[in-house]
Each structure stands twice: as structure tokens, then as C-alpha cells.
Amino acid sequence: ITHIVAFKYRSEISWSDMEDHFKYFMSLKTRSLHRQTGKPLIKSLRAGKNRSWESCSKGMSHAFVLEFASQEDLDYYLTAEPVHLQFSKDAKPLIEDSLVVDIKDGVL
């Protein structure tokens, strides 16, 4: 399962706050753990700044692409995994808008 998240950040936040936010987000790859096995939930995590010249970004400046082994793992990550829940709470004041899309490759 691929979990895609794009953020539009509030204009008044500092670059230092954004750097801390990015660092925290990237740490989820090793800190968000499966409740039964204790192994990382996230199989891969990629991130970057929007580089598109098309005018379709709706102000989203950064995107994160996370891969999970199963829908169950993603659901746990989103609803109960404590490190991710704390991240979401801490990130809320920084984010003006967001877009989330979950896909299963090849299922159209």
C-alpha cells in the first residue's frame, strides 16, 4: 500500500520549524513500530520539495511517499501508532492544507 501525503505549510512558520518537522517525519521510518513484531511499519519513505512547473499543485510545497506491507499496517499507523499520532498533533500548527492519497499499485 502506498500512502502519499502533500503539505501546504503556513507562511508564517520559520525554516527552523520546517526543518524540525521534516526531520521528525523522516524519523517515522524507524520509530513507527508494528504493535506485534516491534519492527518498523514503514517499508520505505521518500520525501521532497515540489519541483513541478505545472500550476496544479494547489500550493502543496512538499510531498512524502510511504510504503506499507498491508492495509492493516497503514490503518494501525494512521489510527493507533503512538509516534505517528504525536507527529500529527505536533505538525497540525505548521500545516495550512494537506492532501492524502492511498493506492494499491495496479488496482485501478
Protein backbone atom coordinates (compact mmCIF):
# COMPACT_ATOMS: atom_id res chain seq x y z
CA ILE A 1 0.00 0.00 0.00
CA THR A 2 1.38 3.43 -0.94
CA HIS A 3 0.44 6.38 1.28
CA ILE A 4 1.06 9.76 -0.38
CA VAL A 5 0.92 12.96 1.66
CA ALA A 6 1.37 16.51 0.35
CA PHE A 7 1.51 19.61 2.56
CA LYS A 8 0.98 23.31 2.13
CA TYR A 9 2.71 24.97 5.06
CA ARG A 10 1.63 28.15 6.81
CA SER A 11 3.60 31.13 5.51
CA GLU A 12 4.45 32.40 8.99
CA ILE A 13 6.36 29.34 10.23
CA SER A 14 10.13 29.52 10.46
CA TRP A 15 12.52 27.48 8.37
CA SER A 16 13.88 26.00 11.60
CA ASP A 17 10.39 24.71 12.48
CA MET A 18 10.06 23.22 8.99
CA GLU A 19 13.47 21.51 9.27
CA ASP A 20 12.47 20.01 12.64
CA HIS A 21 9.18 18.85 11.11
CA PHE A 22 10.97 17.20 8.15
CA LYS A 23 13.47 15.51 10.46
CA TYR A 24 10.65 14.20 12.67
CA PHE A 25 8.68 12.96 9.66
CA MET A 26 11.68 11.09 8.25
CA SER A 27 12.32 9.50 11.67
CA LEU A 28 8.93 7.80 11.48
CA LYS A 29 10.53 5.19 9.20
CA THR A 30 12.45 3.75 12.14
CA ARG A 31 10.33 4.93 15.07
CA SER A 32 6.82 3.80 13.99
CA LEU A 33 6.75 0.18 15.03
CA HIS A 34 4.43 -2.74 14.42
CA ARG A 35 2.46 -3.45 17.59
CA GLN A 36 3.15 -7.21 17.50
CA THR A 37 6.56 -7.66 15.90
CA GLY A 38 8.23 -4.43 17.04
CA LYS A 39 9.61 -3.99 13.52
CA PRO A 40 9.20 -0.75 11.55
CA LEU A 41 5.77 -0.35 9.93
CA ILE A 42 7.07 1.77 7.05
CA LYS A 43 8.84 -0.26 4.35
CA SER A 44 10.11 2.83 2.54
CA LEU A 45 9.81 6.59 2.94
CA ARG A 46 10.66 9.15 0.29
CA ALA A 47 10.24 12.90 0.54
CA GLY A 48 10.94 16.03 -1.42
CA LYS A 49 10.05 19.56 -2.34
CA ASN A 50 7.62 20.09 -5.20
CA ARG A 51 9.59 20.74 -8.39
CA SER A 52 6.71 20.77 -10.85
CA TRP A 53 6.36 23.78 -13.13
CA GLU A 54 2.70 22.92 -13.73
CA SER A 55 0.15 25.12 -11.99
CA CYS A 56 -1.73 22.18 -10.45
CA SER A 57 -0.06 21.90 -7.03
CA LYS A 58 -2.71 23.93 -5.17
CA GLY A 59 0.09 25.34 -3.01
CA MET A 60 1.42 21.98 -1.81
CA SER A 61 5.15 22.51 -1.41
CA HIS A 62 6.38 19.13 -0.13
CA ALA A 63 5.33 15.51 -0.54
CA PHE A 64 6.02 12.28 1.30
CA VAL A 65 5.57 8.79 -0.13
CA LEU A 66 5.34 5.93 2.36
CA GLU A 67 5.09 2.22 1.57
CA PHE A 68 3.37 -0.26 3.89
CA ALA A 69 3.20 -4.05 3.66
CA SER A 70 -0.57 -4.16 4.16
CA GLN A 71 -3.70 -2.09 4.59
CA GLU A 72 -3.78 -3.31 8.20
CA ASP A 73 -0.32 -1.82 8.84
CA LEU A 74 -1.36 1.52 7.29
CA ASP A 75 -4.61 1.58 9.27
CA TYR A 76 -2.75 0.96 12.53
CA TYR A 77 -0.17 3.64 11.65
CA LEU A 78 -2.92 6.19 10.99
CA THR A 79 -5.21 5.42 13.92
CA ALA A 80 -3.23 3.99 16.82
CA GLU A 81 0.56 4.08 16.38
CA PRO A 82 1.68 6.49 19.14
CA VAL A 83 4.73 8.01 17.42
CA HIS A 84 2.71 8.89 14.32
CA LEU A 85 -0.19 10.23 16.38
CA GLN A 86 2.19 12.54 18.26
CA PHE A 87 3.77 13.65 14.98
CA SER A 88 0.33 14.53 13.58
CA LYS A 89 -0.55 16.52 16.70
CA ASP A 90 2.77 18.42 16.60
CA ALA A 91 2.52 19.07 12.84
CA LYS A 92 -1.02 20.49 12.87
CA PRO A 93 0.01 24.11 13.69
CA LEU A 94 2.51 24.12 10.79
CA ILE A 95 0.16 22.94 8.07
CA GLU A 96 -2.32 25.12 6.21
CA ASP A 97 -3.64 22.35 3.98
CA SER A 98 -2.87 18.78 3.05
CA LEU A 99 -3.72 16.12 0.52
CA VAL A 100 -3.60 12.38 1.20
CA VAL A 101 -3.95 9.58 -1.35
CA ASP A 102 -3.58 5.87 -0.66
CA ILE A 103 -3.12 3.47 -3.57
CA LYS A 104 -2.52 -0.21 -4.15
CA ASP A 105 -0.28 -0.46 -7.18
CA GLY A 106 -2.09 -1.80 -10.22
CA VAL A 107 -5.58 -1.58 -8.71
CA LEU A 108 -7.48 0.97 -10.80
